[in-house]
N, C-alpha and C. Protein backbone atom coordinates (compact mmCIF):
# COMPACT_ATOMS: atom_id res chain seq x y z
N MET A 1 -22.76 -14.89 0.44
CA MET A 1 -21.83 -14.01 -0.43
C MET A 1 -20.87 -13.28 0.27
N ARG A 2 -19.57 -13.24 0.11
CA ARG A 2 -18.57 -12.60 0.85
C ARG A 2 -18.54 -11.13 0.69
N ILE A 3 -18.81 -10.67 -0.50
CA ILE A 3 -18.72 -9.25 -0.71
C ILE A 3 -19.79 -8.69 -1.68
N SER A 4 -20.17 -7.47 -1.47
CA SER A 4 -21.16 -6.79 -2.26
C SER A 4 -20.46 -5.85 -3.20
N ALA A 5 -21.30 -5.35 -4.06
CA ALA A 5 -20.86 -4.36 -5.22
C ALA A 5 -20.09 -3.20 -4.51
N ALA A 6 -20.57 -2.75 -3.45
CA ALA A 6 -19.92 -1.61 -2.83
C ALA A 6 -18.59 -1.82 -2.37
N ALA A 7 -18.23 -3.13 -2.14
CA ALA A 7 -16.89 -3.41 -1.60
C ALA A 7 -15.90 -3.86 -2.74
N ILE A 8 -16.31 -3.78 -4.04
CA ILE A 8 -15.34 -3.91 -4.98
C ILE A 8 -14.46 -2.68 -5.17
N LEU A 9 -13.24 -2.91 -4.75
CA LEU A 9 -12.30 -1.65 -4.59
C LEU A 9 -11.29 -1.73 -5.68
N PHE A 10 -10.39 -0.66 -5.54
CA PHE A 10 -9.25 -0.63 -6.56
C PHE A 10 -7.97 -0.72 -5.71
N ALA A 11 -6.91 -1.02 -6.51
CA ALA A 11 -5.56 -1.09 -6.00
C ALA A 11 -4.59 -0.74 -7.00
N LEU A 12 -3.30 -0.39 -6.63
CA LEU A 12 -2.33 0.08 -7.62
C LEU A 12 -0.99 -0.32 -7.12
N ILE A 13 -0.20 -0.95 -7.94
CA ILE A 13 1.19 -1.17 -7.59
C ILE A 13 2.01 -0.08 -8.31
N ALA A 14 2.75 0.74 -7.41
CA ALA A 14 3.34 1.93 -7.94
C ALA A 14 4.56 1.56 -8.65
N CYS A 15 4.97 2.38 -9.65
CA CYS A 15 6.24 2.30 -10.37
C CYS A 15 7.20 3.15 -9.62
N ARG A 16 8.18 2.61 -8.95
CA ARG A 16 9.04 3.40 -8.02
C ARG A 16 10.32 3.50 -8.72
N GLY A 17 10.81 4.72 -8.64
CA GLY A 17 12.17 5.13 -9.18
C GLY A 17 13.14 4.95 -8.02
N SER A 18 14.43 5.07 -8.39
CA SER A 18 15.47 4.94 -7.27
C SER A 18 15.35 5.91 -6.22
N ASP A 19 14.80 6.98 -6.44
CA ASP A 19 14.64 8.13 -5.48
C ASP A 19 13.27 8.22 -4.91
N TRP A 20 12.50 7.31 -5.22
CA TRP A 20 11.04 7.43 -4.74
C TRP A 20 11.08 6.97 -3.19
N SER A 21 10.32 7.72 -2.50
CA SER A 21 10.05 7.48 -1.04
C SER A 21 8.83 8.11 -0.60
N ALA A 22 8.29 7.45 0.44
CA ALA A 22 7.02 7.98 1.07
C ALA A 22 7.17 7.66 2.64
N PRO A 23 6.39 8.44 3.42
CA PRO A 23 6.45 8.10 4.85
C PRO A 23 5.77 6.78 5.13
N GLU A 24 6.41 6.03 6.05
CA GLU A 24 5.89 4.67 6.57
C GLU A 24 5.03 4.98 7.86
N VAL A 25 4.06 4.14 8.00
CA VAL A 25 3.30 4.01 9.24
C VAL A 25 3.67 2.76 10.04
N SER A 26 3.17 2.74 11.21
CA SER A 26 3.40 1.52 11.90
C SER A 26 2.83 0.23 11.35
N TYR A 27 3.56 -0.81 11.31
CA TYR A 27 3.13 -2.00 10.66
C TYR A 27 1.98 -2.63 11.39
N ASP A 28 1.71 -2.12 12.67
CA ASP A 28 0.55 -2.66 13.35
C ASP A 28 -0.74 -2.35 12.82
N VAL A 29 -0.82 -1.33 11.81
CA VAL A 29 -2.08 -1.13 11.25
C VAL A 29 -2.44 -2.08 10.14
N ILE A 30 -1.57 -2.96 9.68
CA ILE A 30 -1.80 -3.97 8.70
C ILE A 30 -2.14 -5.30 9.57
N HIS A 31 -3.27 -5.78 9.29
CA HIS A 31 -3.83 -7.11 9.80
C HIS A 31 -3.73 -8.05 8.69
N VAL A 32 -2.79 -9.06 8.93
CA VAL A 32 -2.61 -10.19 8.06
C VAL A 32 -3.49 -11.34 8.59
N ASP A 33 -4.32 -11.91 7.71
CA ASP A 33 -5.24 -12.96 8.13
C ASP A 33 -4.48 -14.25 7.97
N ALA A 34 -3.49 -14.43 8.96
CA ALA A 34 -2.76 -15.72 8.85
C ALA A 34 -3.51 -16.95 9.10
N ASP A 35 -4.64 -16.87 9.90
CA ASP A 35 -5.32 -18.02 10.23
C ASP A 35 -6.10 -18.66 9.01
N ARG A 36 -6.21 -17.92 7.98
CA ARG A 36 -6.97 -18.40 6.74
C ARG A 36 -6.09 -18.32 5.59
N LEU A 37 -4.82 -18.25 5.67
CA LEU A 37 -3.99 -18.24 4.54
C LEU A 37 -4.05 -19.73 3.91
N ALA A 38 -3.66 -19.87 2.53
CA ALA A 38 -3.62 -21.02 1.79
C ALA A 38 -2.17 -21.23 1.17
N VAL A 39 -1.64 -22.43 1.28
CA VAL A 39 -0.39 -22.67 0.59
C VAL A 39 -0.76 -23.66 -0.62
N LYS A 40 -0.42 -23.14 -1.75
CA LYS A 40 -0.79 -23.89 -2.98
C LYS A 40 0.43 -24.08 -3.86
N THR A 41 0.29 -25.06 -4.76
CA THR A 41 1.29 -25.25 -5.90
C THR A 41 0.64 -25.21 -7.17
N GLY A 42 1.07 -24.62 -8.22
CA GLY A 42 0.51 -24.63 -9.42
C GLY A 42 1.26 -23.63 -10.35
N PRO A 43 0.68 -23.34 -11.59
CA PRO A 43 1.41 -22.54 -12.50
C PRO A 43 1.48 -21.11 -12.01
N VAL A 44 2.64 -20.50 -12.27
CA VAL A 44 2.94 -19.07 -11.95
C VAL A 44 3.80 -18.49 -13.13
N GLY A 45 3.77 -17.20 -13.16
CA GLY A 45 4.46 -16.66 -14.17
C GLY A 45 3.85 -16.64 -15.70
N HIS A 46 4.52 -15.92 -16.58
CA HIS A 46 3.92 -15.89 -17.93
C HIS A 46 5.09 -16.22 -18.96
N ASP A 47 4.62 -16.77 -20.08
CA ASP A 47 5.41 -17.00 -21.22
C ASP A 47 6.66 -17.87 -20.80
N LYS A 48 7.87 -17.36 -21.10
CA LYS A 48 9.15 -18.24 -20.86
C LYS A 48 9.37 -18.30 -19.51
N TRP A 49 8.72 -17.45 -18.56
CA TRP A 49 9.02 -17.47 -17.05
C TRP A 49 7.89 -18.36 -16.37
N LYS A 50 7.06 -18.97 -17.14
CA LYS A 50 6.08 -19.79 -16.48
C LYS A 50 6.59 -21.05 -16.02
N SER A 51 6.21 -21.50 -14.82
CA SER A 51 6.58 -22.79 -14.24
C SER A 51 5.59 -23.15 -13.11
N ASN A 52 5.74 -24.33 -12.56
CA ASN A 52 4.99 -24.68 -11.43
C ASN A 52 5.72 -24.35 -10.18
N ALA A 53 5.17 -23.59 -9.26
CA ALA A 53 5.83 -23.17 -8.00
C ALA A 53 4.79 -23.18 -6.85
N THR A 54 5.34 -23.20 -5.65
CA THR A 54 4.61 -23.15 -4.38
C THR A 54 4.36 -21.63 -4.10
N TYR A 55 3.11 -21.31 -3.61
CA TYR A 55 2.89 -19.85 -3.34
C TYR A 55 1.86 -19.82 -2.17
N VAL A 56 1.81 -18.72 -1.49
CA VAL A 56 0.90 -18.35 -0.38
C VAL A 56 -0.03 -17.36 -0.77
N LEU A 57 -1.44 -17.72 -0.58
CA LEU A 57 -2.34 -16.79 -0.82
C LEU A 57 -2.88 -16.30 0.64
N VAL A 58 -2.65 -15.04 0.86
CA VAL A 58 -3.10 -14.45 2.22
C VAL A 58 -3.57 -13.01 2.02
N GLU A 59 -4.63 -12.77 2.76
CA GLU A 59 -5.29 -11.50 2.74
C GLU A 59 -4.79 -10.47 3.82
N ALA A 60 -4.56 -9.22 3.51
CA ALA A 60 -4.09 -8.32 4.41
C ALA A 60 -5.16 -7.07 4.46
N LYS A 61 -5.39 -6.60 5.51
CA LYS A 61 -6.29 -5.43 5.72
C LYS A 61 -5.58 -4.18 6.21
N ASN A 62 -5.83 -3.13 5.68
CA ASN A 62 -5.32 -1.76 6.00
C ASN A 62 -6.30 -1.06 6.91
N THR A 63 -5.92 -1.05 8.22
CA THR A 63 -6.79 -0.45 9.22
C THR A 63 -6.51 1.07 9.49
N ASP A 64 -5.57 1.68 8.67
CA ASP A 64 -5.27 3.03 8.74
C ASP A 64 -6.32 3.88 8.04
N SER A 65 -6.23 5.18 8.27
CA SER A 65 -7.09 6.10 7.66
C SER A 65 -6.71 6.60 6.32
N LYS A 66 -5.48 6.14 5.86
CA LYS A 66 -4.88 6.48 4.62
C LYS A 66 -4.68 5.36 3.71
N ASP A 67 -4.69 5.47 2.38
CA ASP A 67 -4.19 4.45 1.53
C ASP A 67 -2.73 4.19 1.77
N LEU A 68 -2.44 2.90 1.71
CA LEU A 68 -1.03 2.47 1.94
C LEU A 68 -0.58 1.54 0.86
N MET A 69 0.78 1.69 0.53
CA MET A 69 1.41 0.68 -0.25
C MET A 69 1.95 -0.38 0.71
N VAL A 70 1.41 -1.60 0.68
CA VAL A 70 1.71 -2.67 1.62
C VAL A 70 2.66 -3.70 1.00
N THR A 71 3.72 -4.16 1.68
CA THR A 71 4.56 -5.11 1.09
C THR A 71 4.56 -6.27 2.12
N LEU A 72 4.40 -7.46 1.56
CA LEU A 72 4.50 -8.65 2.43
C LEU A 72 5.50 -9.72 1.73
N SER A 73 6.01 -10.58 2.65
CA SER A 73 6.82 -11.69 2.15
C SER A 73 6.49 -12.80 3.18
N ALA A 74 6.97 -13.94 2.97
CA ALA A 74 6.69 -15.17 3.84
C ALA A 74 7.82 -16.23 3.86
N GLU A 75 7.81 -16.98 4.84
CA GLU A 75 8.72 -18.14 4.86
C GLU A 75 7.73 -19.38 4.83
N LEU A 76 8.10 -20.24 4.00
CA LEU A 76 7.28 -21.56 3.86
C LEU A 76 7.80 -22.56 4.85
N VAL A 77 6.85 -23.13 5.58
CA VAL A 77 7.21 -24.08 6.61
C VAL A 77 6.64 -25.47 6.44
N ASP A 78 7.24 -26.49 6.90
CA ASP A 78 6.61 -27.84 6.91
C ASP A 78 5.84 -28.18 8.10
N GLY A 79 5.48 -29.36 8.30
CA GLY A 79 4.56 -29.65 9.46
C GLY A 79 5.24 -29.63 10.87
N ASP A 80 6.56 -29.65 10.83
CA ASP A 80 7.42 -29.37 12.03
C ASP A 80 7.71 -27.91 12.29
N LYS A 81 7.22 -27.03 11.40
CA LYS A 81 7.43 -25.52 11.41
C LYS A 81 8.87 -25.20 11.02
N LYS A 82 9.48 -26.11 10.30
CA LYS A 82 10.85 -25.87 9.80
C LYS A 82 10.75 -25.19 8.49
N VAL A 83 11.61 -24.11 8.30
CA VAL A 83 11.54 -23.27 7.00
C VAL A 83 12.21 -24.21 5.88
N VAL A 84 11.20 -24.33 4.89
CA VAL A 84 11.59 -25.07 3.64
C VAL A 84 11.72 -24.18 2.34
N GLY A 85 11.46 -22.95 2.56
CA GLY A 85 11.62 -21.96 1.37
C GLY A 85 11.12 -20.61 1.85
N LYS A 86 11.42 -19.60 1.02
CA LYS A 86 10.98 -18.23 1.25
C LYS A 86 10.33 -17.80 -0.16
N THR A 87 9.66 -16.71 0.16
CA THR A 87 8.84 -16.09 -1.02
C THR A 87 9.43 -14.80 -1.40
N ARG A 88 9.05 -14.43 -2.59
CA ARG A 88 9.29 -12.96 -3.04
C ARG A 88 8.39 -12.01 -2.35
N ARG A 89 8.86 -10.79 -2.31
CA ARG A 89 8.00 -9.78 -1.78
C ARG A 89 6.90 -9.38 -2.87
N GLU A 90 5.80 -8.91 -2.35
CA GLU A 90 4.85 -8.37 -3.20
C GLU A 90 4.25 -7.15 -2.61
N SER A 91 4.11 -6.08 -3.39
CA SER A 91 3.57 -4.78 -2.90
C SER A 91 2.26 -4.45 -3.64
N ILE A 92 1.22 -4.07 -2.76
CA ILE A 92 -0.09 -3.73 -3.33
C ILE A 92 -0.61 -2.61 -2.60
N ARG A 93 -1.18 -1.68 -3.31
CA ARG A 93 -1.86 -0.48 -2.77
C ARG A 93 -3.20 -0.98 -2.14
N ILE A 94 -3.40 -0.76 -0.85
CA ILE A 94 -4.59 -1.04 -0.17
C ILE A 94 -5.24 0.23 0.42
N PRO A 95 -6.45 0.44 -0.11
CA PRO A 95 -7.22 1.74 0.43
C PRO A 95 -7.44 1.62 1.90
N ALA A 96 -7.77 2.74 2.44
CA ALA A 96 -8.15 2.84 3.85
C ALA A 96 -9.21 1.99 4.22
N GLY A 97 -9.08 1.06 5.20
CA GLY A 97 -10.15 0.18 5.59
C GLY A 97 -10.39 -0.97 4.62
N GLY A 98 -9.54 -1.13 3.56
CA GLY A 98 -9.74 -2.12 2.59
C GLY A 98 -8.93 -3.38 2.79
N SER A 99 -9.13 -4.49 2.07
CA SER A 99 -8.32 -5.66 2.12
C SER A 99 -7.92 -6.01 0.75
N ARG A 100 -6.74 -6.70 0.58
CA ARG A 100 -6.20 -7.18 -0.62
C ARG A 100 -5.65 -8.61 -0.48
N LEU A 101 -5.76 -9.42 -1.54
CA LEU A 101 -5.30 -10.80 -1.51
C LEU A 101 -3.97 -10.82 -2.17
N PHE A 102 -2.94 -11.26 -1.39
CA PHE A 102 -1.64 -11.29 -1.90
C PHE A 102 -1.26 -12.75 -2.29
N ALA A 103 -0.49 -12.92 -3.43
CA ALA A 103 -0.02 -14.12 -3.84
C ALA A 103 1.53 -14.04 -3.73
N LEU A 104 2.14 -14.73 -2.69
CA LEU A 104 3.57 -14.63 -2.40
C LEU A 104 4.13 -15.90 -2.92
N VAL A 105 4.92 -15.79 -4.09
CA VAL A 105 5.52 -16.87 -4.76
C VAL A 105 6.92 -17.32 -4.19
N ASP A 106 7.17 -18.42 -4.25
CA ASP A 106 8.58 -19.00 -3.89
C ASP A 106 9.64 -18.23 -4.63
N ASP A 107 10.56 -17.85 -3.88
CA ASP A 107 11.58 -16.82 -4.54
C ASP A 107 12.44 -17.61 -5.60
N LYS A 108 12.52 -18.87 -5.61
CA LYS A 108 13.18 -19.64 -6.65
C LYS A 108 12.13 -20.16 -7.71
N GLN A 109 10.95 -19.85 -7.56
CA GLN A 109 9.89 -20.24 -8.30
C GLN A 109 9.91 -21.71 -8.66
N VAL A 110 9.93 -22.44 -7.56
CA VAL A 110 9.99 -23.95 -7.71
C VAL A 110 8.92 -24.54 -6.80
N GLU A 111 8.64 -25.81 -6.85
CA GLU A 111 7.72 -26.53 -5.90
C GLU A 111 8.39 -26.88 -4.63
N ARG A 112 7.59 -26.63 -3.51
CA ARG A 112 8.07 -26.99 -2.18
C ARG A 112 7.05 -28.04 -1.68
N PRO A 113 7.23 -29.36 -2.05
CA PRO A 113 6.17 -30.26 -1.65
C PRO A 113 5.94 -30.53 -0.21
N THR A 114 6.90 -30.14 0.71
CA THR A 114 6.87 -30.36 2.05
C THR A 114 6.12 -29.22 2.78
N ALA A 115 5.95 -28.06 2.15
CA ALA A 115 5.30 -26.82 2.74
C ALA A 115 3.91 -27.03 2.97
N THR A 116 3.47 -26.81 4.24
CA THR A 116 2.14 -26.90 4.69
C THR A 116 1.60 -25.70 5.25
N GLY A 117 2.46 -24.73 5.55
CA GLY A 117 2.14 -23.54 6.22
C GLY A 117 3.14 -22.43 5.81
N ALA A 118 2.90 -21.15 6.38
CA ALA A 118 3.77 -20.02 6.18
C ALA A 118 3.78 -19.08 7.24
N ARG A 119 4.79 -18.32 7.44
CA ARG A 119 4.95 -17.29 8.41
C ARG A 119 5.11 -16.07 7.56
N VAL A 120 4.08 -15.12 7.66
CA VAL A 120 3.91 -13.97 6.76
C VAL A 120 4.39 -12.80 7.55
N ASP A 121 5.30 -11.89 6.99
CA ASP A 121 5.72 -10.73 7.60
C ASP A 121 5.44 -9.45 6.77
N VAL A 122 5.07 -8.43 7.41
CA VAL A 122 4.88 -7.09 6.72
C VAL A 122 6.28 -6.49 6.55
N ARG A 123 6.64 -6.09 5.33
CA ARG A 123 7.92 -5.53 4.97
C ARG A 123 7.93 -4.08 4.72
N GLY A 124 6.64 -3.56 4.61
CA GLY A 124 6.58 -2.08 4.21
C GLY A 124 5.09 -1.69 4.34
N ALA A 125 4.83 -0.47 4.68
CA ALA A 125 3.49 0.24 4.88
C ALA A 125 3.66 1.65 4.64
N GLU A 126 3.69 2.11 3.46
CA GLU A 126 4.01 3.44 3.09
C GLU A 126 2.77 4.20 2.65
N VAL A 127 2.64 5.49 3.01
CA VAL A 127 1.56 6.30 2.64
C VAL A 127 1.42 6.62 1.15
N VAL A 128 0.24 6.47 0.56
CA VAL A 128 0.04 6.81 -0.83
C VAL A 128 -0.89 7.99 -0.90
N ASP A 129 -0.48 9.13 -1.43
CA ASP A 129 -1.29 10.33 -1.19
C ASP A 129 -1.79 10.84 -2.60
N TYR A 130 -1.62 9.93 -3.75
CA TYR A 130 -1.99 10.37 -5.06
C TYR A 130 -3.13 9.61 -5.51
N PRO A 131 -4.07 10.04 -6.30
CA PRO A 131 -5.23 9.16 -6.71
C PRO A 131 -4.81 8.19 -7.69
N ALA A 132 -5.47 7.09 -7.63
CA ALA A 132 -5.21 5.93 -8.72
C ALA A 132 -5.59 6.31 -10.02
N PRO A 133 -4.72 5.93 -11.02
CA PRO A 133 -5.14 6.48 -12.40
C PRO A 133 -6.18 5.47 -13.03
N PHE A 134 -6.33 4.24 -12.54
CA PHE A 134 -7.28 3.37 -12.95
C PHE A 134 -8.21 3.00 -11.79
N VAL A 135 -9.55 2.84 -12.05
CA VAL A 135 -10.40 2.44 -10.99
C VAL A 135 -11.44 1.48 -11.46
N ILE A 136 -12.08 0.68 -10.54
CA ILE A 136 -13.13 -0.22 -10.94
C ILE A 136 -14.36 0.17 -10.35
N THR A 137 -15.47 0.15 -11.12
CA THR A 137 -16.73 0.69 -10.74
C THR A 137 -17.82 -0.45 -11.04
N ASP A 138 -18.96 -0.26 -10.54
CA ASP A 138 -20.10 -1.04 -10.78
C ASP A 138 -19.79 -2.49 -10.58
N GLY A 139 -19.04 -2.88 -9.60
CA GLY A 139 -18.66 -4.30 -9.49
C GLY A 139 -19.82 -4.97 -8.81
N HIS A 140 -20.02 -6.32 -9.20
CA HIS A 140 -20.96 -7.11 -8.47
C HIS A 140 -20.48 -8.64 -8.66
N VAL A 141 -21.08 -9.39 -7.71
CA VAL A 141 -20.70 -10.83 -7.54
C VAL A 141 -21.95 -11.70 -7.78
N TYR A 142 -22.00 -12.73 -8.42
CA TYR A 142 -23.14 -13.57 -8.49
C TYR A 142 -22.70 -15.03 -8.56
N SER A 143 -23.62 -15.87 -8.42
CA SER A 143 -23.24 -17.28 -8.45
C SER A 143 -23.77 -18.00 -9.76
N ASP A 144 -22.95 -18.81 -10.37
CA ASP A 144 -23.17 -19.53 -11.60
C ASP A 144 -22.69 -20.87 -11.55
N GLN A 145 -23.58 -21.93 -11.45
CA GLN A 145 -23.20 -23.30 -11.49
C GLN A 145 -22.10 -23.53 -10.35
N ASP A 146 -22.39 -23.29 -9.19
CA ASP A 146 -21.60 -23.46 -7.99
C ASP A 146 -20.24 -22.72 -7.97
N ARG A 147 -20.14 -21.63 -8.73
CA ARG A 147 -18.95 -20.80 -8.78
C ARG A 147 -19.32 -19.34 -8.65
N ALA A 148 -18.49 -18.58 -7.99
CA ALA A 148 -18.57 -17.14 -7.85
C ALA A 148 -18.05 -16.54 -9.21
N VAL A 149 -18.84 -15.53 -9.73
CA VAL A 149 -18.45 -14.76 -10.81
C VAL A 149 -18.44 -13.42 -10.44
N VAL A 150 -17.42 -12.61 -10.75
CA VAL A 150 -17.28 -11.22 -10.38
C VAL A 150 -17.09 -10.40 -11.64
N ALA A 151 -17.77 -9.29 -11.71
CA ALA A 151 -17.88 -8.49 -12.99
C ALA A 151 -17.71 -6.93 -12.53
N GLY A 152 -17.38 -6.28 -13.38
CA GLY A 152 -17.28 -4.74 -13.30
C GLY A 152 -16.83 -4.00 -14.41
N TYR A 153 -16.46 -2.66 -14.20
CA TYR A 153 -16.04 -1.85 -15.28
C TYR A 153 -14.72 -1.24 -14.87
N LEU A 154 -13.78 -1.27 -15.87
CA LEU A 154 -12.48 -0.63 -15.66
C LEU A 154 -12.39 0.79 -16.32
N LEU A 155 -12.04 1.82 -15.48
CA LEU A 155 -12.01 3.14 -16.01
C LEU A 155 -10.65 3.66 -15.98
N ASN A 156 -10.14 4.36 -17.03
CA ASN A 156 -8.95 5.04 -17.17
C ASN A 156 -9.21 6.43 -16.91
N ASN A 157 -8.62 7.02 -15.83
CA ASN A 157 -8.91 8.45 -15.46
C ASN A 157 -7.95 9.35 -16.10
N ALA A 158 -6.94 8.77 -16.76
CA ALA A 158 -5.96 9.66 -17.64
C ALA A 158 -6.43 10.04 -18.94
N ASP A 159 -5.85 11.02 -19.54
CA ASP A 159 -6.22 11.42 -20.93
C ASP A 159 -5.49 10.51 -21.99
N ARG A 160 -4.50 9.77 -21.54
CA ARG A 160 -3.65 8.89 -22.60
C ARG A 160 -3.96 7.55 -22.22
N PRO A 161 -3.73 6.60 -23.32
CA PRO A 161 -4.06 5.21 -23.23
C PRO A 161 -2.97 4.54 -22.24
N GLY A 162 -3.46 3.46 -21.65
CA GLY A 162 -2.60 2.71 -20.81
C GLY A 162 -3.00 1.27 -20.68
N LYS A 163 -2.26 0.59 -19.80
CA LYS A 163 -2.64 -0.83 -19.56
C LYS A 163 -2.75 -0.99 -18.02
N ALA A 164 -3.58 -1.86 -17.67
CA ALA A 164 -3.91 -2.19 -16.18
C ALA A 164 -4.00 -3.60 -15.94
N MET A 165 -3.28 -4.23 -15.00
CA MET A 165 -3.38 -5.59 -14.74
C MET A 165 -4.65 -5.61 -13.58
N VAL A 166 -5.76 -6.21 -14.04
CA VAL A 166 -6.86 -6.43 -13.08
C VAL A 166 -6.75 -7.82 -12.42
N LEU A 167 -6.88 -7.89 -11.28
CA LEU A 167 -6.83 -9.18 -10.41
C LEU A 167 -8.24 -9.50 -9.81
N ALA A 168 -8.52 -10.70 -9.75
CA ALA A 168 -9.75 -11.25 -9.12
C ALA A 168 -9.44 -12.24 -8.07
N ALA A 169 -9.89 -11.86 -6.84
CA ALA A 169 -9.63 -12.94 -5.61
C ALA A 169 -10.91 -13.60 -5.36
N PHE A 170 -10.77 -14.89 -5.13
CA PHE A 170 -11.96 -15.84 -4.89
C PHE A 170 -11.72 -16.57 -3.61
N PHE A 171 -12.83 -16.70 -2.89
CA PHE A 171 -12.90 -17.26 -1.50
C PHE A 171 -13.93 -18.32 -1.42
N ASP A 172 -13.75 -19.23 -0.40
CA ASP A 172 -14.73 -20.19 -0.24
C ASP A 172 -15.86 -19.76 0.81
N GLU A 173 -16.66 -20.64 1.12
CA GLU A 173 -17.86 -20.23 2.01
C GLU A 173 -17.44 -19.64 3.43
N LYS A 174 -16.19 -20.09 3.88
CA LYS A 174 -15.71 -19.70 5.14
C LYS A 174 -14.73 -18.46 5.12
N GLY A 175 -14.60 -17.92 3.85
CA GLY A 175 -13.73 -16.75 3.59
C GLY A 175 -12.33 -17.09 3.48
N ARG A 176 -11.99 -18.32 3.14
CA ARG A 176 -10.51 -18.73 2.99
C ARG A 176 -10.25 -18.65 1.46
N PRO A 177 -9.11 -18.02 1.17
CA PRO A 177 -8.77 -17.71 -0.20
C PRO A 177 -8.55 -19.10 -1.04
N MET A 178 -9.07 -19.04 -2.33
CA MET A 178 -9.08 -20.21 -3.17
C MET A 178 -8.24 -19.95 -4.36
N LYS A 179 -8.25 -18.72 -4.88
CA LYS A 179 -7.57 -18.43 -6.17
C LYS A 179 -7.41 -17.05 -6.35
N ARG A 180 -6.26 -16.60 -6.99
CA ARG A 180 -6.16 -15.18 -7.47
C ARG A 180 -5.73 -15.28 -8.96
N THR A 181 -6.56 -14.64 -9.94
CA THR A 181 -6.24 -14.73 -11.20
C THR A 181 -6.17 -13.32 -11.73
N SER A 182 -5.62 -13.00 -12.84
CA SER A 182 -5.35 -11.70 -13.44
C SER A 182 -5.37 -11.67 -14.95
N THR A 183 -5.69 -10.50 -15.53
CA THR A 183 -5.75 -10.33 -16.97
C THR A 183 -5.15 -8.83 -17.22
N LEU A 184 -4.28 -8.68 -18.15
CA LEU A 184 -3.89 -7.36 -18.53
C LEU A 184 -4.75 -6.68 -19.55
N PHE A 185 -5.31 -5.45 -19.28
CA PHE A 185 -6.22 -4.85 -20.13
C PHE A 185 -5.62 -3.59 -20.72
N ASP A 186 -5.82 -3.42 -22.03
CA ASP A 186 -5.44 -2.11 -22.76
C ASP A 186 -6.70 -1.24 -22.76
N ILE A 187 -6.46 -0.01 -22.41
CA ILE A 187 -7.74 0.85 -22.36
C ILE A 187 -7.27 2.30 -22.84
N ALA A 188 -8.24 2.91 -23.67
CA ALA A 188 -7.84 4.24 -24.22
C ALA A 188 -8.01 5.31 -23.02
N GLY A 189 -7.57 6.48 -23.40
CA GLY A 189 -7.51 7.52 -22.47
C GLY A 189 -9.00 7.90 -22.15
N LYS A 190 -9.38 7.97 -20.80
CA LYS A 190 -10.57 8.28 -20.43
C LYS A 190 -11.67 7.15 -20.76
N GLY A 191 -11.11 5.96 -21.12
CA GLY A 191 -11.91 4.86 -21.58
C GLY A 191 -12.52 4.14 -20.49
N LYS A 192 -13.50 3.23 -20.92
CA LYS A 192 -14.16 2.32 -20.03
C LYS A 192 -14.44 1.07 -20.68
N ARG A 193 -14.26 -0.08 -19.84
CA ARG A 193 -14.50 -1.28 -20.56
C ARG A 193 -15.01 -2.27 -19.40
N GLY A 194 -15.92 -3.27 -19.85
CA GLY A 194 -16.32 -4.23 -18.96
C GLY A 194 -15.53 -5.41 -18.84
N MET A 195 -15.64 -6.23 -17.74
CA MET A 195 -14.83 -7.38 -17.54
C MET A 195 -15.49 -8.40 -16.57
N GLN A 196 -15.06 -9.55 -16.72
CA GLN A 196 -15.81 -10.73 -15.93
C GLN A 196 -14.85 -11.81 -15.66
N PHE A 197 -14.79 -12.26 -14.34
CA PHE A 197 -13.84 -13.46 -14.02
C PHE A 197 -14.68 -14.44 -13.43
N VAL A 198 -14.49 -15.76 -13.75
CA VAL A 198 -15.16 -16.85 -13.18
C VAL A 198 -14.22 -17.59 -12.15
N GLY A 199 -14.77 -17.89 -10.92
CA GLY A 199 -13.94 -18.50 -9.86
C GLY A 199 -13.98 -20.02 -10.07
N PRO A 200 -13.26 -20.74 -9.14
CA PRO A 200 -13.15 -22.14 -9.15
C PRO A 200 -14.54 -22.75 -8.60
N ASP A 201 -14.63 -23.99 -8.69
CA ASP A 201 -15.87 -24.71 -8.15
C ASP A 201 -15.80 -24.44 -6.59
N ALA A 202 -17.06 -24.22 -6.07
CA ALA A 202 -17.34 -24.04 -4.63
C ALA A 202 -16.89 -22.72 -4.10
N SER A 203 -16.49 -21.82 -5.08
CA SER A 203 -16.20 -20.35 -4.63
C SER A 203 -17.41 -19.64 -4.28
N ARG A 204 -17.32 -18.78 -3.32
CA ARG A 204 -18.62 -18.17 -2.89
C ARG A 204 -18.56 -16.62 -2.74
N GLY A 205 -17.30 -16.10 -2.67
CA GLY A 205 -17.12 -14.66 -2.68
C GLY A 205 -15.91 -14.30 -3.55
N ALA A 206 -15.90 -12.94 -3.97
CA ALA A 206 -14.85 -12.51 -4.73
C ALA A 206 -14.80 -11.00 -4.71
N TYR A 207 -13.64 -10.49 -5.15
CA TYR A 207 -13.58 -9.02 -5.42
C TYR A 207 -12.46 -8.76 -6.52
N LEU A 208 -12.62 -7.55 -7.03
CA LEU A 208 -11.56 -7.15 -8.12
C LEU A 208 -10.70 -6.11 -7.55
N PHE A 209 -9.40 -5.95 -8.11
CA PHE A 209 -8.56 -4.88 -7.79
C PHE A 209 -7.49 -4.78 -8.79
N ILE A 210 -6.85 -3.63 -8.80
CA ILE A 210 -5.88 -3.36 -9.91
C ILE A 210 -4.54 -3.39 -9.33
N GLY A 211 -3.70 -4.16 -10.16
CA GLY A 211 -2.29 -4.36 -9.89
C GLY A 211 -1.44 -3.32 -10.65
N GLU A 212 -0.47 -3.81 -11.38
CA GLU A 212 0.51 -2.99 -12.05
C GLU A 212 -0.11 -2.20 -13.21
N VAL A 213 0.28 -1.00 -13.46
CA VAL A 213 -0.38 -0.08 -14.46
C VAL A 213 0.86 0.38 -15.40
N GLN A 214 0.60 0.59 -16.58
CA GLN A 214 1.64 1.17 -17.51
C GLN A 214 0.97 2.19 -18.38
N TYR A 215 1.75 3.15 -18.64
CA TYR A 215 1.35 4.21 -19.66
C TYR A 215 2.33 4.43 -20.78
């Protein structure tokens, strides 16, 4: 099993205004697990923006002593290391000492059938010094019919109702990313609700984290 209940952590994608800024730290504190990234093609987006596209699943660890808003992007490459596409940037809050699974989608949201690898770059690592409004507690992972299942509770620490995108990251027995899925939850002020995500066949580890939030 890749992760225990104590390792189910939270994350937050900040809503930035045009004048929002925070101090950056050295990008050296971000360890990108490039040796175990996965290049996949499949459905991305929602509703009228949904299409099949190539994307990169890659985990990044924050080795700093502070929570950081980390931004990654990637170049998609073929077997000869030639660039065949680029991805959008994605920003995720990573707690001190924690890891998060990024899904870097082709910037044209199209399929790149010749892409076999990727070169991932850190584009930002900004200090986050405010508490996350949503957190995940009592997380646990168990196996069911050769799949990892991850469950936990979502807590809204604010007095007002809001929405939180909860993401589940799934890994195989060697720790390679297999899938990242998400669900948007509505939750009352100071509310709490349970949730459960089922991984793909042969998944062995998983964790939950929080993406974009709305109030």
